[in-house]
N, C-alpha and C. Protein backbone atom coordinates (compact mmCIF):
# COMPACT_ATOMS: atom_id res chain seq x y z
N MET A 1 11.26 -1.74 11.95
CA MET A 1 11.48 -2.03 10.56
C MET A 1 11.31 -0.73 9.78
N ARG A 2 12.28 -0.41 8.94
CA ARG A 2 12.23 0.80 8.12
C ARG A 2 11.31 0.59 6.92
N PRO A 3 10.49 1.59 6.56
CA PRO A 3 9.64 1.42 5.39
C PRO A 3 10.48 1.39 4.12
N VAL A 4 10.06 0.59 3.19
CA VAL A 4 10.76 0.47 1.91
C VAL A 4 9.95 1.23 0.86
N PRO A 5 10.57 2.16 0.15
CA PRO A 5 9.82 2.90 -0.86
C PRO A 5 9.52 2.02 -2.06
N GLY A 6 8.46 2.38 -2.74
CA GLY A 6 8.12 1.71 -4.00
C GLY A 6 8.93 2.30 -5.13
N ARG A 7 8.85 1.67 -6.28
CA ARG A 7 9.47 2.23 -7.47
C ARG A 7 8.36 2.54 -8.45
N ARG A 8 8.65 3.41 -9.38
CA ARG A 8 7.63 3.85 -10.33
C ARG A 8 7.24 2.72 -11.24
N GLY A 9 5.96 2.59 -11.53
CA GLY A 9 5.49 1.52 -12.40
C GLY A 9 4.08 1.76 -12.88
N ARG A 10 3.59 0.81 -13.64
CA ARG A 10 2.23 0.88 -14.15
C ARG A 10 1.31 0.06 -13.26
N PHE A 11 0.10 0.54 -13.11
CA PHE A 11 -0.88 -0.21 -12.35
C PHE A 11 -1.36 -1.38 -13.20
N PRO A 12 -1.57 -2.55 -12.59
CA PRO A 12 -2.05 -3.69 -13.38
C PRO A 12 -3.48 -3.46 -13.86
N THR A 13 -3.74 -3.81 -15.08
CA THR A 13 -5.09 -3.61 -15.62
C THR A 13 -5.97 -4.83 -15.41
N THR A 14 -5.41 -5.92 -14.91
CA THR A 14 -6.21 -7.11 -14.65
C THR A 14 -7.06 -6.90 -13.40
N LEU A 15 -8.07 -7.71 -13.23
CA LEU A 15 -9.00 -7.53 -12.14
C LEU A 15 -8.60 -8.27 -10.86
N ASP A 16 -7.37 -8.78 -10.80
CA ASP A 16 -6.97 -9.51 -9.59
C ASP A 16 -6.30 -8.61 -8.56
N ALA A 17 -6.39 -7.32 -8.73
CA ALA A 17 -5.81 -6.39 -7.76
C ALA A 17 -6.89 -5.98 -6.77
N ASN A 18 -6.64 -6.21 -5.49
CA ASN A 18 -7.57 -5.84 -4.42
C ASN A 18 -7.14 -4.50 -3.86
N CYS A 19 -8.04 -3.53 -3.87
CA CYS A 19 -7.67 -2.16 -3.50
C CYS A 19 -8.45 -1.64 -2.30
N ASN A 20 -7.84 -0.71 -1.61
CA ASN A 20 -8.51 0.11 -0.62
C ASN A 20 -7.89 1.49 -0.67
N GLU A 21 -8.54 2.48 -0.09
CA GLU A 21 -8.04 3.85 -0.18
C GLU A 21 -8.22 4.58 1.13
N VAL A 22 -7.47 5.67 1.26
CA VAL A 22 -7.53 6.52 2.43
C VAL A 22 -7.92 7.92 1.97
N THR A 23 -8.70 8.62 2.80
CA THR A 23 -9.12 9.96 2.43
C THR A 23 -8.12 10.99 2.94
N GLY A 24 -8.27 12.21 2.45
CA GLY A 24 -7.37 13.29 2.83
C GLY A 24 -7.58 13.74 4.26
N TYR A 25 -6.56 14.35 4.83
CA TYR A 25 -6.63 14.83 6.21
C TYR A 25 -7.34 16.18 6.28
N GLU A 26 -6.92 17.11 5.40
CA GLU A 26 -7.54 18.42 5.38
C GLU A 26 -8.92 18.37 4.72
N ASN A 27 -9.09 17.47 3.74
CA ASN A 27 -10.36 17.34 3.02
C ASN A 27 -10.77 15.87 3.03
N PRO A 28 -11.56 15.45 4.02
CA PRO A 28 -11.94 14.04 4.13
C PRO A 28 -12.79 13.52 2.97
N ARG A 29 -13.29 14.41 2.12
CA ARG A 29 -14.06 13.97 0.96
C ARG A 29 -13.18 13.63 -0.22
N ALA A 30 -11.93 14.00 -0.16
CA ALA A 30 -10.99 13.74 -1.26
C ALA A 30 -10.22 12.45 -0.98
N THR A 31 -9.97 11.68 -2.02
CA THR A 31 -9.16 10.47 -1.88
C THR A 31 -7.69 10.88 -1.85
N ALA A 32 -7.00 10.56 -0.76
CA ALA A 32 -5.57 10.88 -0.64
C ALA A 32 -4.73 9.88 -1.42
N GLY A 33 -5.26 8.64 -1.54
CA GLY A 33 -4.53 7.65 -2.31
C GLY A 33 -5.05 6.25 -2.10
N PRO A 34 -4.92 5.42 -3.13
CA PRO A 34 -5.26 4.01 -3.02
C PRO A 34 -4.01 3.14 -2.86
N ALA A 35 -4.22 1.94 -2.36
CA ALA A 35 -3.19 0.91 -2.33
C ALA A 35 -3.87 -0.38 -2.79
N CYS A 36 -3.19 -1.11 -3.66
CA CYS A 36 -3.75 -2.33 -4.23
C CYS A 36 -2.75 -3.46 -4.09
N PHE A 37 -3.26 -4.67 -3.98
CA PHE A 37 -2.42 -5.86 -3.91
C PHE A 37 -2.75 -6.77 -5.08
N ARG A 38 -1.72 -7.22 -5.76
CA ARG A 38 -1.87 -8.17 -6.85
C ARG A 38 -1.23 -9.48 -6.43
N PRO A 39 -2.03 -10.54 -6.24
CA PRO A 39 -1.50 -11.80 -5.74
C PRO A 39 -0.42 -12.41 -6.64
N TYR A 40 -0.59 -12.32 -7.94
CA TYR A 40 0.41 -12.90 -8.83
C TYR A 40 1.66 -12.03 -8.76
N GLY A 41 2.72 -12.55 -8.20
CA GLY A 41 3.95 -11.80 -8.01
C GLY A 41 4.02 -11.06 -6.68
N ASP A 42 2.93 -11.15 -5.88
CA ASP A 42 2.90 -10.51 -4.56
C ASP A 42 3.34 -9.05 -4.63
N LYS A 43 2.65 -8.27 -5.42
CA LYS A 43 3.01 -6.86 -5.62
C LYS A 43 1.96 -5.94 -5.03
N PHE A 44 2.44 -4.87 -4.40
CA PHE A 44 1.58 -3.79 -3.95
C PHE A 44 1.77 -2.62 -4.89
N TYR A 45 0.70 -1.90 -5.11
CA TYR A 45 0.72 -0.69 -5.91
C TYR A 45 0.16 0.41 -5.02
N VAL A 46 0.89 1.51 -4.88
CA VAL A 46 0.51 2.60 -4.00
C VAL A 46 0.56 3.89 -4.80
N ARG A 47 -0.42 4.76 -4.57
CA ARG A 47 -0.44 6.02 -5.31
C ARG A 47 -0.93 7.15 -4.41
N ASP A 48 -0.19 8.23 -4.41
CA ASP A 48 -0.57 9.45 -3.71
C ASP A 48 -1.34 10.30 -4.71
N THR A 49 -2.57 10.68 -4.38
CA THR A 49 -3.37 11.45 -5.33
C THR A 49 -3.60 12.90 -4.91
N LEU A 50 -3.12 13.30 -3.74
CA LEU A 50 -3.26 14.68 -3.28
C LEU A 50 -1.89 15.31 -3.08
N ALA A 51 -1.73 16.52 -3.58
CA ALA A 51 -0.48 17.26 -3.37
C ALA A 51 -0.60 18.02 -2.05
N ASP A 52 -0.57 17.25 -0.95
CA ASP A 52 -0.76 17.83 0.38
C ASP A 52 0.45 17.69 1.29
N GLY A 53 1.54 17.12 0.78
CA GLY A 53 2.75 16.95 1.58
C GLY A 53 2.76 15.70 2.45
N HIS A 54 1.69 14.93 2.45
CA HIS A 54 1.62 13.69 3.22
C HIS A 54 1.96 12.51 2.31
N HIS A 55 2.21 11.36 2.89
CA HIS A 55 2.50 10.18 2.07
C HIS A 55 1.58 9.02 2.45
N ILE A 56 1.45 8.08 1.50
CA ILE A 56 0.62 6.90 1.66
C ILE A 56 1.53 5.73 2.01
N GLU A 57 1.09 4.94 2.98
CA GLU A 57 1.90 3.80 3.40
C GLU A 57 1.00 2.59 3.63
N VAL A 58 1.48 1.42 3.21
CA VAL A 58 0.79 0.16 3.46
C VAL A 58 1.57 -0.59 4.53
N ARG A 59 0.86 -1.10 5.52
CA ARG A 59 1.48 -1.91 6.57
C ARG A 59 0.70 -3.21 6.66
N GLY A 60 1.41 -4.28 6.93
CA GLY A 60 0.70 -5.54 7.01
C GLY A 60 1.49 -6.63 7.70
N THR A 61 0.85 -7.79 7.77
CA THR A 61 1.42 -8.97 8.39
C THR A 61 1.09 -10.18 7.53
N VAL A 62 2.05 -11.08 7.40
CA VAL A 62 1.84 -12.35 6.70
C VAL A 62 1.51 -13.40 7.75
N ASN A 63 0.40 -14.12 7.55
CA ASN A 63 -0.08 -15.03 8.59
C ASN A 63 0.84 -16.20 8.88
N ARG A 64 1.47 -16.76 7.87
CA ARG A 64 2.27 -17.97 8.10
C ARG A 64 3.56 -17.69 8.85
N THR A 65 4.14 -16.55 8.62
CA THR A 65 5.43 -16.25 9.24
C THR A 65 5.32 -15.25 10.37
N GLY A 66 4.24 -14.49 10.38
CA GLY A 66 4.10 -13.43 11.37
C GLY A 66 4.96 -12.23 11.05
N ASP A 67 5.61 -12.24 9.88
CA ASP A 67 6.47 -11.12 9.48
C ASP A 67 5.63 -9.89 9.20
N ASN A 68 6.13 -8.75 9.63
CA ASN A 68 5.49 -7.47 9.35
C ASN A 68 6.20 -6.79 8.20
N PHE A 69 5.47 -5.97 7.47
CA PHE A 69 6.08 -5.21 6.39
C PHE A 69 5.47 -3.82 6.32
N ARG A 70 6.25 -2.90 5.76
CA ARG A 70 5.81 -1.53 5.50
C ARG A 70 6.31 -1.14 4.12
N ARG A 71 5.44 -0.55 3.34
CA ARG A 71 5.81 -0.04 2.03
C ARG A 71 5.15 1.32 1.87
N HIS A 72 5.88 2.26 1.31
CA HIS A 72 5.30 3.58 1.12
C HIS A 72 5.65 4.12 -0.25
N GLU A 73 4.82 5.05 -0.71
CA GLU A 73 5.10 5.71 -1.98
C GLU A 73 6.10 6.83 -1.71
N HIS A 74 6.82 7.21 -2.72
CA HIS A 74 7.72 8.35 -2.63
C HIS A 74 7.59 9.14 -3.92
N GLY A 75 7.85 10.37 -3.87
CA GLY A 75 7.76 11.19 -5.07
C GLY A 75 6.50 12.03 -5.13
N GLY A 76 5.60 11.84 -4.16
CA GLY A 76 4.41 12.66 -4.11
C GLY A 76 3.39 12.33 -5.18
N SER A 77 2.40 13.20 -5.30
CA SER A 77 1.29 12.95 -6.20
C SER A 77 1.70 12.95 -7.67
N ALA A 78 2.80 13.60 -8.02
CA ALA A 78 3.25 13.64 -9.41
C ALA A 78 3.91 12.33 -9.85
N ALA A 79 4.23 11.47 -8.92
CA ALA A 79 4.98 10.24 -9.24
C ALA A 79 4.11 9.14 -9.85
N GLY A 80 2.80 9.21 -9.68
CA GLY A 80 1.93 8.17 -10.22
C GLY A 80 2.00 6.92 -9.35
N TRP A 81 1.67 5.79 -9.95
CA TRP A 81 1.67 4.51 -9.23
C TRP A 81 3.08 4.11 -8.87
N GLN A 82 3.25 3.65 -7.64
CA GLN A 82 4.52 3.12 -7.15
C GLN A 82 4.36 1.63 -6.94
N VAL A 83 5.28 0.84 -7.48
CA VAL A 83 5.24 -0.61 -7.36
C VAL A 83 6.13 -1.03 -6.20
N CYS A 84 5.58 -1.83 -5.31
CA CYS A 84 6.34 -2.37 -4.18
C CYS A 84 6.40 -3.88 -4.36
N ASP A 85 7.50 -4.36 -4.90
CA ASP A 85 7.60 -5.79 -5.20
C ASP A 85 8.87 -6.43 -4.70
N GLY A 86 9.60 -5.77 -3.83
CA GLY A 86 10.87 -6.27 -3.37
C GLY A 86 10.81 -7.37 -2.32
N PHE A 87 9.63 -7.78 -1.94
CA PHE A 87 9.53 -8.78 -0.87
C PHE A 87 8.81 -10.04 -1.32
N HIS A 88 8.64 -10.24 -2.61
CA HIS A 88 7.90 -11.41 -3.10
C HIS A 88 8.55 -12.73 -2.70
N ASP A 89 9.86 -12.75 -2.54
CA ASP A 89 10.54 -13.98 -2.11
C ASP A 89 10.36 -14.24 -0.61
N GLU A 90 9.94 -13.22 0.13
CA GLU A 90 9.78 -13.35 1.57
C GLU A 90 8.40 -13.86 1.97
N ILE A 91 7.44 -13.78 1.05
CA ILE A 91 6.06 -14.15 1.37
C ILE A 91 5.80 -15.57 0.88
N PRO A 92 5.49 -16.51 1.77
CA PRO A 92 5.21 -17.88 1.33
C PRO A 92 3.95 -17.94 0.46
N GLU A 93 3.96 -18.87 -0.48
CA GLU A 93 2.79 -19.08 -1.33
C GLU A 93 1.62 -19.57 -0.48
N SER A 94 0.43 -19.30 -0.94
CA SER A 94 -0.81 -19.70 -0.26
C SER A 94 -0.89 -19.16 1.17
N SER A 95 -0.43 -17.94 1.35
CA SER A 95 -0.52 -17.26 2.64
C SER A 95 -1.64 -16.23 2.57
N THR A 96 -2.01 -15.74 3.73
CA THR A 96 -2.94 -14.63 3.80
C THR A 96 -2.18 -13.41 4.29
N ILE A 97 -2.41 -12.29 3.63
CA ILE A 97 -1.78 -11.03 4.01
C ILE A 97 -2.86 -10.12 4.59
N TYR A 98 -2.62 -9.67 5.80
CA TYR A 98 -3.48 -8.69 6.45
C TYR A 98 -2.81 -7.35 6.20
N ARG A 99 -3.55 -6.37 5.67
CA ARG A 99 -2.92 -5.10 5.36
C ARG A 99 -3.89 -3.95 5.60
N GLU A 100 -3.31 -2.79 5.84
CA GLU A 100 -4.10 -1.57 5.94
C GLU A 100 -3.31 -0.42 5.34
N ILE A 101 -4.03 0.58 4.89
CA ILE A 101 -3.43 1.74 4.26
C ILE A 101 -3.56 2.92 5.21
N GLY A 102 -2.54 3.76 5.24
CA GLY A 102 -2.58 4.93 6.10
C GLY A 102 -2.06 6.17 5.41
N LEU A 103 -2.51 7.30 5.88
CA LEU A 103 -2.01 8.60 5.44
C LEU A 103 -1.10 9.11 6.54
N TRP A 104 0.13 9.43 6.19
CA TRP A 104 1.15 9.78 7.17
C TRP A 104 1.73 11.17 6.89
N ASP A 105 2.10 11.84 7.96
CA ASP A 105 2.87 13.08 7.89
C ASP A 105 4.15 12.78 8.66
N GLY A 106 5.20 12.42 7.93
CA GLY A 106 6.42 11.96 8.59
C GLY A 106 6.13 10.69 9.36
N GLY A 107 6.33 10.70 10.67
CA GLY A 107 6.06 9.53 11.50
C GLY A 107 4.72 9.58 12.21
N THR A 108 3.85 10.53 11.82
CA THR A 108 2.55 10.67 12.48
C THR A 108 1.44 10.16 11.58
N LEU A 109 0.67 9.21 12.08
CA LEU A 109 -0.48 8.68 11.35
C LEU A 109 -1.62 9.68 11.40
N LEU A 110 -2.11 10.09 10.23
CA LEU A 110 -3.20 11.06 10.16
C LEU A 110 -4.55 10.39 9.97
N GLY A 111 -4.56 9.21 9.33
CA GLY A 111 -5.81 8.52 9.09
C GLY A 111 -5.57 7.19 8.41
N THR A 112 -6.56 6.30 8.51
CA THR A 112 -6.45 5.01 7.87
C THR A 112 -7.57 4.83 6.85
N GLY A 113 -7.44 3.81 6.04
CA GLY A 113 -8.41 3.54 5.00
C GLY A 113 -9.54 2.64 5.43
N GLY A 114 -10.02 2.83 6.63
CA GLY A 114 -11.15 2.02 7.10
C GLY A 114 -10.72 0.65 7.52
N ASP A 115 -11.56 -0.34 7.21
CA ASP A 115 -11.30 -1.71 7.62
C ASP A 115 -10.05 -2.28 6.94
N PRO A 116 -9.27 -3.06 7.68
CA PRO A 116 -8.11 -3.74 7.07
C PRO A 116 -8.58 -4.72 6.00
N LYS A 117 -7.70 -5.03 5.09
CA LYS A 117 -7.99 -5.96 4.00
C LYS A 117 -7.19 -7.25 4.20
N PHE A 118 -7.77 -8.34 3.74
CA PHE A 118 -7.09 -9.63 3.74
C PHE A 118 -7.01 -10.09 2.29
N SER A 119 -5.84 -10.56 1.89
CA SER A 119 -5.64 -11.06 0.53
C SER A 119 -4.86 -12.36 0.59
N SER A 120 -5.10 -13.22 -0.38
CA SER A 120 -4.34 -14.47 -0.48
C SER A 120 -3.26 -14.33 -1.52
N THR A 121 -2.10 -14.92 -1.25
CA THR A 121 -1.04 -14.93 -2.24
C THR A 121 -1.25 -16.12 -3.16
N SER A 122 -0.59 -16.07 -4.29
CA SER A 122 -0.73 -17.19 -5.23
C SER A 122 0.54 -17.99 -5.33
């Protein structure tokens, strides 16, 4: 499955966004970027915060269908928050989404954001 890039958008200011982050490869103390999930509308928000040439990607699985998905930011750290909302019709309501965030250099995984996250859709 090819990763689908996000589009530029604003991060939701409501508290229903569940976030996790990945640290930098060259500097593990720096946050390379966060990824957040907002159940209302089944939207992911991804942001690259380091100008290091790497990209942030969210990968996950929907429990009811077993479908896998990949979403990544594009445009680098200057692009701000990227909204990934093109698959809301594909995710059944009242499902659980298992997801993890990774720092990538092309097709090479450099690091993950720790424990995977589970979120419920609305």
